[in-house]
Amino acid sequence: MALLLAGSLLTGAVACGKSKNANGDNRAAAPSPSTSAEKQKFAKTRFVTNAGLAAGATYQWIVKPFKAGKFKKGADGRTFAMVKAGLAGAFTYNRLKAAVANAKGDPLLSKALTPLSSGIDSLKNLGGKLRKGDAGDADVGSFEKVINNVKGAGRSAGAEVTDKVPTTAQLGG
């Protein structure tokens, strides 16, 4: 019975693979594009997800340990905290760039984020600075400021961003 079922599935798949489209060739038909409203909805959803992950990583692994004194020389767990902060910095930059790309699918969100691009770009090298232990109050403050500005821009465009802490596996990969 299993052999008969497998044979009929294979025959059906082969028959489907050899069908021709309206032009007479063997290419598969392209799916119809989503509506503009669907594209905007998904753009906002992806923006909220990426910005939320960036905000969560910033708070959990940069701001919170910095305020707790984990980056100071001689602090218990300093090296590990700095490595996580460096990874979180790179992760935050990456997710914010993705959020800006997502925002381009929604005109209101795109307009709200345009002035923030230079602030996001300024975070590019701060991950390495955090990892090396060279970051200070101003550096950590710049992460907080950019995250708060992105959250505000999202809120003004109807895309409320809440912190979503990524796993340590998400930070490294």
Protein backbone atom coordinates (compact mmCIF):
# COMPACT_ATOMS: atom_id res chain seq x y z
CA MET A 1 0.00 0.00 0.00
CA ALA A 2 2.82 2.42 0.91
CA LEU A 3 4.54 1.69 -2.41
CA LEU A 4 1.34 2.40 -4.31
CA LEU A 5 0.85 5.68 -2.41
CA ALA A 6 4.45 6.78 -3.00
CA GLY A 7 4.14 5.92 -6.69
CA SER A 8 0.97 7.92 -7.09
CA LEU A 9 2.49 10.93 -5.31
CA LEU A 10 5.56 10.77 -7.50
CA THR A 11 3.46 10.52 -10.65
CA GLY A 12 1.37 13.49 -9.52
CA ALA A 13 4.47 15.54 -8.78
CA VAL A 14 6.02 14.73 -12.16
CA ALA A 15 2.79 15.55 -13.94
CA CYS A 16 2.55 18.87 -12.09
CA GLY A 17 6.15 19.70 -12.88
CA LYS A 18 5.58 19.35 -16.63
CA SER A 19 2.57 21.62 -16.91
CA LYS A 20 2.90 24.67 -19.08
CA ASN A 21 1.81 28.18 -18.23
CA ALA A 22 -0.09 30.59 -20.51
CA ASN A 23 3.10 31.41 -22.43
CA GLY A 24 3.70 27.76 -23.26
CA ASP A 25 6.85 27.33 -21.17
CA ASN A 26 7.50 25.28 -18.04
CA ARG A 27 8.05 28.13 -15.56
CA ALA A 28 5.93 28.16 -12.43
CA ALA A 29 3.34 30.89 -12.14
CA ALA A 30 4.45 33.79 -9.96
CA PRO A 31 2.36 34.42 -6.86
CA SER A 32 0.28 37.57 -6.93
CA PRO A 33 1.72 40.45 -4.94
CA SER A 34 0.27 41.42 -1.59
CA THR A 35 -1.94 44.44 -1.35
CA SER A 36 -0.44 47.74 -0.33
CA ALA A 37 -2.26 47.58 3.01
CA GLU A 38 -0.79 44.12 3.72
CA LYS A 39 2.71 45.31 2.85
CA GLN A 40 2.34 48.27 5.22
CA LYS A 41 1.02 46.06 8.01
CA PHE A 42 3.91 43.62 7.67
CA ALA A 43 6.41 46.47 7.42
CA LYS A 44 5.17 47.84 10.75
CA THR A 45 5.18 44.38 12.33
CA ARG A 46 8.76 43.70 11.23
CA PHE A 47 9.80 47.19 12.33
CA VAL A 48 8.29 46.66 15.80
CA THR A 49 9.99 43.27 16.12
CA ASN A 50 13.44 44.48 15.05
CA ALA A 51 13.30 47.73 17.02
CA GLY A 52 12.01 45.83 20.08
CA LEU A 53 14.91 43.38 19.91
CA ALA A 54 17.38 46.27 19.57
CA ALA A 55 15.81 48.05 22.55
CA GLY A 56 15.79 44.89 24.66
CA ALA A 57 19.43 44.09 23.88
CA THR A 58 20.49 47.65 24.65
CA TYR A 59 18.77 47.75 28.01
CA GLN A 60 19.59 44.19 29.13
CA TRP A 61 23.24 43.96 28.11
CA ILE A 62 24.48 47.54 27.82
CA VAL A 63 22.53 50.03 29.95
CA LYS A 64 21.65 47.83 32.93
CA PRO A 65 25.17 46.38 33.48
CA PHE A 66 26.75 49.80 32.88
CA LYS A 67 24.56 51.40 35.54
CA ALA A 68 25.32 48.49 37.89
CA GLY A 69 29.06 49.20 37.51
CA LYS A 70 29.86 45.94 35.69
CA PHE A 71 32.16 47.72 33.20
CA LYS A 72 34.41 49.29 35.85
CA LYS A 73 37.90 47.91 36.31
CA GLY A 74 37.93 45.23 39.00
CA ALA A 75 34.18 44.61 38.84
CA ASP A 76 33.05 41.01 39.28
CA GLY A 77 32.14 39.54 35.88
CA ARG A 78 33.54 42.57 34.00
CA THR A 79 35.02 40.66 31.06
CA PHE A 80 31.88 38.64 30.44
CA ALA A 81 29.71 41.77 30.76
CA MET A 82 31.88 43.64 28.26
CA VAL A 83 31.81 40.78 25.74
CA LYS A 84 28.02 40.57 26.00
CA ALA A 85 27.78 44.36 25.70
CA GLY A 86 29.95 44.28 22.58
CA LEU A 87 27.77 41.61 21.02
CA ALA A 88 24.65 43.50 22.07
CA GLY A 89 26.03 46.68 20.51
CA ALA A 90 26.63 45.00 17.16
CA PHE A 91 23.27 43.24 17.41
CA THR A 92 21.49 46.52 18.21
CA TYR A 93 23.07 48.27 15.23
CA ASN A 94 22.11 45.37 12.96
CA ARG A 95 18.49 45.23 14.17
CA LEU A 96 18.09 49.02 13.93
CA LYS A 97 19.33 48.96 10.34
CA ALA A 98 16.82 46.18 9.63
CA ALA A 99 14.06 48.20 11.34
CA VAL A 100 14.84 51.21 9.14
CA ALA A 101 14.70 48.97 6.06
CA ASN A 102 11.35 47.57 7.28
CA ALA A 103 10.02 51.09 7.82
CA LYS A 104 10.46 51.88 4.14
CA GLY A 105 7.38 49.75 3.49
CA ASP A 106 5.18 52.19 5.43
CA PRO A 107 5.21 55.84 4.30
CA LEU A 108 4.39 57.33 7.72
CA LEU A 109 6.94 55.19 9.53
CA SER A 110 9.59 55.86 6.89
CA LYS A 111 9.06 59.61 7.23
CA ALA A 112 9.29 59.40 11.03
CA LEU A 113 12.58 57.47 10.94
CA THR A 114 14.40 59.45 8.24
CA PRO A 115 15.93 61.97 10.68
CA LEU A 116 17.27 59.14 12.85
CA SER A 117 19.52 57.49 10.25
CA SER A 118 22.66 59.39 11.25
CA GLY A 119 22.10 58.53 14.93
CA ILE A 120 21.75 54.85 14.06
CA ASP A 121 24.87 55.00 11.88
CA SER A 122 26.80 56.50 14.81
CA LEU A 123 26.29 53.24 16.74
CA LYS A 124 28.19 51.18 14.17
CA ASN A 125 31.54 51.08 15.98
CA LEU A 126 30.31 51.32 19.55
CA GLY A 127 29.94 47.54 19.87
CA GLY A 128 33.70 47.13 19.53
CA LYS A 129 34.29 49.99 21.94
CA LEU A 130 32.06 48.29 24.52
CA ARG A 131 33.77 44.94 24.02
CA LYS A 132 37.21 46.49 24.58
CA GLY A 133 36.06 48.35 27.68
CA ASP A 134 36.60 51.77 26.10
CA ALA A 135 32.97 52.92 26.37
CA GLY A 136 31.94 55.66 28.75
CA ASP A 137 28.80 57.43 29.88
CA ALA A 138 28.41 59.25 26.56
CA ASP A 139 28.63 56.03 24.56
CA VAL A 140 26.02 54.23 26.64
CA GLY A 141 23.92 57.39 26.56
CA SER A 142 24.04 57.44 22.76
CA PHE A 143 22.57 53.91 22.65
CA GLU A 144 19.79 54.98 25.00
CA LYS A 145 19.10 58.16 23.04
CA VAL A 146 18.89 56.40 19.67
CA ILE A 147 16.64 53.65 21.06
CA ASN A 148 14.33 56.21 22.69
CA ASN A 149 14.18 58.22 19.45
CA VAL A 150 13.33 55.09 17.43
CA LYS A 151 10.63 54.16 19.94
CA GLY A 152 9.23 57.71 19.73
CA ALA A 153 9.24 57.65 15.93
CA GLY A 154 7.45 54.31 15.94
CA ARG A 155 4.88 55.57 18.43
CA SER A 156 4.20 58.66 16.30
CA ALA A 157 3.59 56.41 13.29
CA GLY A 158 1.30 54.03 15.16
CA ALA A 159 3.90 51.30 15.69
CA GLU A 160 4.45 51.00 19.44
CA VAL A 161 7.84 49.45 20.23
CA THR A 162 8.34 47.49 23.44
CA ASP A 163 11.61 46.00 24.66
CA LYS A 164 12.08 42.36 23.71
CA VAL A 165 15.23 40.85 25.17
CA PRO A 166 16.96 38.56 22.68
CA THR A 167 18.58 35.35 23.83
CA THR A 168 22.35 35.16 24.07
CA ALA A 169 22.22 32.79 21.08
CA GLN A 170 20.49 35.51 19.04
CA LEU A 171 23.21 37.98 20.02
CA GLY A 172 25.99 35.79 18.69
CA GLY A 173 24.35 34.47 15.58
